[in-house]
Amino acid sequence: MEEHLARYYELKEMQKQVEEELNDLRNKLVESCQNTDSLEEGAYKLTISYQERREYNDDRLYNALPDPALWRLLSRVDTGKVTSLLKLNVIHERVLAGTYETKRVPVVRVQKR
């Protein structure tokens, strides 16, 4: 069992290192391609697209919800849960006005030709 635990720990440490390096490379790619959304270099093609994500403010959302019982479903802001409540028509988009800020997040995609 100890060898399984040791291997798991080792792999998690490697995963952290890989994720850090990927994040650094992603930031460098986004920085270097600020004026374009695609780039071809050798056998690789880089595409950068943007997603809009909502970042909710706990206090504003709590005050905007019509029923305090809904807040118990959330307990704290979870974008996925808020989106689900919207899709189920439990709450409406107009209720959420002013409770979030929209953030543009770059999505980096590298393909090998």
N, C-alpha and C. Protein backbone atom coordinates (compact mmCIF):
# COMPACT_ATOMS: atom_id res chain seq x y z
N MET A 1 0.81 -1.20 0.00
CA MET A 1 0.00 0.00 0.00
C MET A 1 0.86 1.26 0.00
N GLU A 2 1.97 1.20 0.73
CA GLU A 2 2.83 2.37 0.82
C GLU A 2 3.38 2.77 -0.55
N GLU A 3 3.69 1.77 -1.38
CA GLU A 3 4.21 2.10 -2.72
C GLU A 3 3.14 2.76 -3.58
N HIS A 4 1.87 2.39 -3.40
CA HIS A 4 0.78 3.05 -4.12
C HIS A 4 0.66 4.51 -3.67
N LEU A 5 0.76 4.71 -2.37
CA LEU A 5 0.68 6.07 -1.83
C LEU A 5 1.85 6.91 -2.33
N ALA A 6 3.03 6.33 -2.32
CA ALA A 6 4.22 7.05 -2.78
C ALA A 6 4.10 7.41 -4.25
N ARG A 7 3.63 6.46 -5.06
CA ARG A 7 3.48 6.73 -6.50
C ARG A 7 2.43 7.79 -6.75
N TYR A 8 1.33 7.73 -6.02
CA TYR A 8 0.27 8.74 -6.15
C TYR A 8 0.82 10.12 -5.82
N TYR A 9 1.54 10.23 -4.72
CA TYR A 9 2.13 11.50 -4.32
C TYR A 9 3.08 12.01 -5.40
N GLU A 10 3.92 11.12 -5.91
CA GLU A 10 4.87 11.49 -6.95
C GLU A 10 4.17 12.01 -8.20
N LEU A 11 3.11 11.31 -8.62
CA LEU A 11 2.37 11.74 -9.81
C LEU A 11 1.67 13.08 -9.59
N LYS A 12 1.11 13.30 -8.41
CA LYS A 12 0.47 14.58 -8.11
C LYS A 12 1.47 15.72 -8.16
N GLU A 13 2.67 15.49 -7.67
CA GLU A 13 3.72 16.51 -7.73
C GLU A 13 4.09 16.80 -9.18
N MET A 14 4.21 15.76 -9.99
CA MET A 14 4.51 15.94 -11.41
C MET A 14 3.37 16.70 -12.09
N GLN A 15 2.13 16.39 -11.73
CA GLN A 15 0.98 17.07 -12.31
C GLN A 15 1.03 18.57 -12.00
N LYS A 16 1.38 18.93 -10.77
CA LYS A 16 1.50 20.34 -10.40
C LYS A 16 2.54 21.05 -11.27
N GLN A 17 3.69 20.39 -11.46
CA GLN A 17 4.75 20.97 -12.26
C GLN A 17 4.31 21.15 -13.71
N VAL A 18 3.64 20.15 -14.27
CA VAL A 18 3.17 20.23 -15.65
C VAL A 18 2.14 21.34 -15.79
N GLU A 19 1.21 21.43 -14.85
CA GLU A 19 0.18 22.47 -14.91
C GLU A 19 0.78 23.86 -14.81
N GLU A 20 1.79 24.03 -13.97
CA GLU A 20 2.47 25.32 -13.86
C GLU A 20 3.15 25.70 -15.17
N GLU A 21 3.85 24.74 -15.77
CA GLU A 21 4.54 25.01 -17.03
C GLU A 21 3.54 25.30 -18.15
N LEU A 22 2.44 24.54 -18.20
CA LEU A 22 1.40 24.80 -19.20
C LEU A 22 0.82 26.20 -19.02
N ASN A 23 0.59 26.60 -17.80
CA ASN A 23 0.04 27.93 -17.54
C ASN A 23 1.01 29.02 -17.98
N ASP A 24 2.29 28.83 -17.69
CA ASP A 24 3.30 29.80 -18.13
C ASP A 24 3.34 29.90 -19.65
N LEU A 25 3.36 28.76 -20.32
CA LEU A 25 3.39 28.76 -21.79
C LEU A 25 2.14 29.37 -22.38
N ARG A 26 0.99 29.06 -21.78
CA ARG A 26 -0.28 29.63 -22.24
C ARG A 26 -0.25 31.15 -22.15
N ASN A 27 0.23 31.67 -21.02
CA ASN A 27 0.32 33.13 -20.84
C ASN A 27 1.26 33.76 -21.87
N LYS A 28 2.38 33.11 -22.13
CA LYS A 28 3.33 33.64 -23.13
C LYS A 28 2.71 33.64 -24.52
N LEU A 29 1.98 32.57 -24.86
CA LEU A 29 1.34 32.51 -26.18
C LEU A 29 0.27 33.59 -26.33
N VAL A 30 -0.52 33.79 -25.30
CA VAL A 30 -1.57 34.82 -25.36
C VAL A 30 -0.94 36.21 -25.47
N GLU A 31 0.14 36.43 -24.71
CA GLU A 31 0.84 37.72 -24.77
C GLU A 31 1.42 37.99 -26.15
N SER A 32 2.03 36.97 -26.73
CA SER A 32 2.70 37.17 -28.02
C SER A 32 1.72 37.30 -29.18
N CYS A 33 0.48 36.92 -28.99
CA CYS A 33 -0.52 36.97 -30.08
C CYS A 33 -1.67 37.91 -29.74
N GLN A 34 -1.37 39.03 -29.11
CA GLN A 34 -2.42 39.97 -28.71
C GLN A 34 -3.13 40.59 -29.91
N ASN A 35 -2.44 40.70 -31.03
CA ASN A 35 -3.02 41.38 -32.19
C ASN A 35 -3.66 40.42 -33.19
N THR A 36 -3.59 39.14 -32.93
CA THR A 36 -4.15 38.17 -33.87
C THR A 36 -4.80 37.03 -33.09
N ASP A 37 -5.69 36.32 -33.76
CA ASP A 37 -6.35 35.20 -33.08
C ASP A 37 -5.88 33.85 -33.58
N SER A 38 -4.98 33.85 -34.56
CA SER A 38 -4.41 32.59 -35.02
C SER A 38 -3.00 32.83 -35.55
N LEU A 39 -2.23 31.77 -35.54
CA LEU A 39 -0.84 31.86 -35.95
C LEU A 39 -0.39 30.47 -36.38
N GLU A 40 0.37 30.42 -37.46
CA GLU A 40 0.94 29.15 -37.91
C GLU A 40 2.45 29.25 -37.84
N GLU A 41 3.05 28.28 -37.21
CA GLU A 41 4.50 28.27 -37.04
C GLU A 41 4.99 26.84 -37.25
N GLY A 42 5.68 26.61 -38.33
CA GLY A 42 6.16 25.26 -38.63
C GLY A 42 5.00 24.29 -38.80
N ALA A 43 5.02 23.23 -38.03
CA ALA A 43 3.98 22.20 -38.13
C ALA A 43 2.82 22.45 -37.17
N TYR A 44 2.77 23.64 -36.54
CA TYR A 44 1.76 23.89 -35.52
C TYR A 44 0.89 25.09 -35.88
N LYS A 45 -0.35 25.00 -35.46
CA LYS A 45 -1.29 26.10 -35.65
C LYS A 45 -1.86 26.46 -34.28
N LEU A 46 -1.75 27.74 -33.95
CA LEU A 46 -2.26 28.26 -32.68
C LEU A 46 -3.54 29.04 -32.95
N THR A 47 -4.58 28.75 -32.19
CA THR A 47 -5.83 29.49 -32.28
C THR A 47 -6.20 29.96 -30.88
N ILE A 48 -6.51 31.24 -30.77
CA ILE A 48 -6.94 31.80 -29.49
C ILE A 48 -8.35 32.33 -29.66
N SER A 49 -9.26 31.80 -28.85
CA SER A 49 -10.63 32.31 -28.84
C SER A 49 -10.93 32.78 -27.42
N TYR A 50 -11.99 33.52 -27.27
CA TYR A 50 -12.32 34.07 -25.96
C TYR A 50 -13.69 33.61 -25.51
N GLN A 51 -13.78 33.24 -24.25
CA GLN A 51 -15.05 32.90 -23.62
C GLN A 51 -15.38 33.99 -22.61
N GLU A 52 -16.66 34.24 -22.46
CA GLU A 52 -17.07 35.19 -21.42
C GLU A 52 -17.58 34.39 -20.24
N ARG A 53 -17.02 34.68 -19.08
CA ARG A 53 -17.42 33.99 -17.86
C ARG A 53 -17.92 35.01 -16.86
N ARG A 54 -18.91 34.60 -16.10
CA ARG A 54 -19.47 35.49 -15.08
C ARG A 54 -18.82 35.22 -13.73
N GLU A 55 -18.48 36.29 -13.06
CA GLU A 55 -17.97 36.20 -11.70
C GLU A 55 -18.98 36.91 -10.81
N TYR A 56 -19.70 36.14 -10.02
CA TYR A 56 -20.77 36.68 -9.19
C TYR A 56 -20.25 37.23 -7.88
N ASN A 57 -20.92 38.25 -7.39
CA ASN A 57 -20.64 38.84 -6.09
C ASN A 57 -21.63 38.22 -5.11
N ASP A 58 -21.14 37.59 -4.05
CA ASP A 58 -21.99 36.90 -3.08
C ASP A 58 -23.09 37.79 -2.52
N ASP A 59 -22.71 38.97 -2.05
CA ASP A 59 -23.68 39.86 -1.39
C ASP A 59 -24.76 40.33 -2.36
N ARG A 60 -24.33 40.76 -3.53
CA ARG A 60 -25.32 41.25 -4.51
C ARG A 60 -26.26 40.15 -4.96
N LEU A 61 -25.73 38.95 -5.15
CA LEU A 61 -26.59 37.84 -5.58
C LEU A 61 -27.57 37.48 -4.48
N TYR A 62 -27.12 37.43 -3.24
CA TYR A 62 -28.01 37.11 -2.12
C TYR A 62 -29.16 38.10 -2.05
N ASN A 63 -28.84 39.37 -2.22
CA ASN A 63 -29.88 40.41 -2.16
C ASN A 63 -30.81 40.37 -3.36
N ALA A 64 -30.34 39.85 -4.47
CA ALA A 64 -31.15 39.82 -5.69
C ALA A 64 -32.10 38.62 -5.76
N LEU A 65 -31.76 37.55 -5.06
CA LEU A 65 -32.61 36.35 -5.12
C LEU A 65 -33.94 36.60 -4.43
N PRO A 66 -35.04 36.24 -5.08
CA PRO A 66 -36.37 36.52 -4.53
C PRO A 66 -36.71 35.67 -3.31
N ASP A 67 -36.13 34.51 -3.19
CA ASP A 67 -36.48 33.60 -2.11
C ASP A 67 -35.21 33.17 -1.38
N PRO A 68 -35.13 33.43 -0.08
CA PRO A 68 -33.92 33.04 0.66
C PRO A 68 -33.65 31.54 0.61
N ALA A 69 -34.66 30.74 0.34
CA ALA A 69 -34.46 29.29 0.23
C ALA A 69 -33.56 28.96 -0.96
N LEU A 70 -33.59 29.80 -1.99
CA LEU A 70 -32.71 29.58 -3.14
C LEU A 70 -31.25 29.72 -2.72
N TRP A 71 -31.00 30.66 -1.83
CA TRP A 71 -29.63 30.87 -1.38
C TRP A 71 -29.11 29.62 -0.67
N ARG A 72 -29.99 28.92 0.04
CA ARG A 72 -29.57 27.68 0.70
C ARG A 72 -29.17 26.63 -0.32
N LEU A 73 -29.77 26.67 -1.50
CA LEU A 73 -29.36 25.74 -2.55
C LEU A 73 -27.94 26.05 -3.03
N LEU A 74 -27.60 27.32 -2.99
CA LEU A 74 -26.29 27.74 -3.47
C LEU A 74 -25.24 27.74 -2.36
N SER A 75 -25.61 28.21 -1.17
CA SER A 75 -24.76 28.38 0.01
C SER A 75 -23.60 29.35 -0.24
N ARG A 76 -23.03 29.30 -1.37
CA ARG A 76 -22.08 30.31 -1.83
C ARG A 76 -22.18 30.29 -3.35
N VAL A 77 -21.69 31.32 -3.98
CA VAL A 77 -21.88 31.44 -5.41
C VAL A 77 -21.13 30.32 -6.14
N ASP A 78 -21.87 29.59 -6.93
CA ASP A 78 -21.33 28.55 -7.79
C ASP A 78 -21.92 28.81 -9.17
N THR A 79 -21.09 29.25 -10.09
CA THR A 79 -21.55 29.65 -11.42
C THR A 79 -22.36 28.54 -12.09
N GLY A 80 -21.94 27.31 -11.93
CA GLY A 80 -22.67 26.18 -12.53
C GLY A 80 -24.08 26.05 -11.97
N LYS A 81 -24.22 26.23 -10.65
CA LYS A 81 -25.55 26.13 -10.02
C LYS A 81 -26.44 27.29 -10.46
N VAL A 82 -25.87 28.48 -10.55
CA VAL A 82 -26.65 29.64 -10.99
C VAL A 82 -27.14 29.41 -12.42
N THR A 83 -26.26 28.91 -13.27
CA THR A 83 -26.63 28.62 -14.65
C THR A 83 -27.74 27.58 -14.71
N SER A 84 -27.65 26.56 -13.87
CA SER A 84 -28.70 25.54 -13.82
C SER A 84 -30.03 26.12 -13.39
N LEU A 85 -30.02 27.00 -12.39
CA LEU A 85 -31.26 27.63 -11.94
C LEU A 85 -31.87 28.49 -13.05
N LEU A 86 -31.01 29.12 -13.85
CA LEU A 86 -31.49 29.91 -14.99
C LEU A 86 -32.15 29.00 -16.03
N LYS A 87 -31.49 27.89 -16.35
CA LYS A 87 -32.02 26.98 -17.36
C LYS A 87 -33.33 26.34 -16.92
N LEU A 88 -33.47 26.11 -15.62
CA LEU A 88 -34.70 25.51 -15.10
C LEU A 88 -35.81 26.54 -14.87
N ASN A 89 -35.52 27.80 -15.19
CA ASN A 89 -36.46 28.92 -14.98
C ASN A 89 -36.87 29.09 -13.53
N VAL A 90 -35.98 28.72 -12.60
CA VAL A 90 -36.23 28.97 -11.18
C VAL A 90 -35.98 30.45 -10.90
N ILE A 91 -34.97 31.01 -11.55
CA ILE A 91 -34.71 32.44 -11.49
C ILE A 91 -34.60 32.95 -12.93
N HIS A 92 -34.73 34.25 -13.09
CA HIS A 92 -34.68 34.84 -14.42
C HIS A 92 -33.46 35.75 -14.54
N GLU A 93 -33.02 35.92 -15.76
CA GLU A 93 -31.83 36.72 -16.05
C GLU A 93 -31.92 38.13 -15.45
N ARG A 94 -33.10 38.73 -15.50
CA ARG A 94 -33.25 40.11 -15.00
C ARG A 94 -32.98 40.20 -13.49
N VAL A 95 -33.21 39.11 -12.76
CA VAL A 95 -32.94 39.09 -11.33
C VAL A 95 -31.44 39.20 -11.06
N LEU A 96 -30.65 38.68 -11.99
CA LEU A 96 -29.20 38.66 -11.80
C LEU A 96 -28.50 39.94 -12.25
N ALA A 97 -29.24 40.86 -12.84
CA ALA A 97 -28.64 42.11 -13.32
C ALA A 97 -27.89 42.80 -12.19
N GLY A 98 -26.63 43.11 -12.44
CA GLY A 98 -25.81 43.82 -11.47
C GLY A 98 -25.16 42.94 -10.41
N THR A 99 -25.36 41.63 -10.50
CA THR A 99 -24.78 40.74 -9.49
C THR A 99 -23.48 40.09 -9.94
N TYR A 100 -23.08 40.38 -11.17
CA TYR A 100 -21.88 39.74 -11.68
C TYR A 100 -21.13 40.68 -12.60
N GLU A 101 -19.87 40.32 -12.82
CA GLU A 101 -19.03 41.00 -13.79
C GLU A 101 -18.64 39.96 -14.84
N THR A 102 -18.61 40.38 -16.08
CA THR A 102 -18.23 39.48 -17.16
C THR A 102 -16.73 39.57 -17.38
N LYS A 103 -16.10 38.44 -17.46
CA LYS A 103 -14.65 38.38 -17.64
C LYS A 103 -14.35 37.61 -18.93
N ARG A 104 -13.50 38.18 -19.77
CA ARG A 104 -13.10 37.49 -21.01
C ARG A 104 -11.88 36.63 -20.70
N VAL A 105 -12.01 35.35 -21.01
CA VAL A 105 -10.94 34.41 -20.72
C VAL A 105 -10.43 33.81 -22.03
N PRO A 106 -9.13 33.93 -22.30
CA PRO A 106 -8.61 33.35 -23.54
C PRO A 106 -8.54 31.83 -23.46
N VAL A 107 -8.91 31.19 -24.56
CA VAL A 107 -8.82 29.74 -24.67
C VAL A 107 -7.80 29.44 -25.76
N VAL A 108 -6.72 28.78 -25.39
CA VAL A 108 -5.62 28.51 -26.30
C VAL A 108 -5.76 27.09 -26.84
N ARG A 109 -5.65 26.97 -28.16
CA ARG A 109 -5.72 25.67 -28.80
C ARG A 109 -4.54 25.54 -29.76
N VAL A 110 -3.75 24.50 -29.59
CA VAL A 110 -2.61 24.25 -30.46
C VAL A 110 -2.84 22.92 -31.16
N GLN A 111 -2.74 22.95 -32.49
CA GLN A 111 -2.93 21.73 -33.28
C GLN A 111 -1.65 21.46 -34.06
N LYS A 112 -1.39 20.19 -34.27
CA LYS A 112 -0.27 19.80 -35.12
C LYS A 112 -0.83 19.38 -36.47
N ARG A 113 -0.28 19.97 -37.52
CA ARG A 113 -0.77 19.65 -38.87
C ARG A 113 -0.20 18.38 -39.41
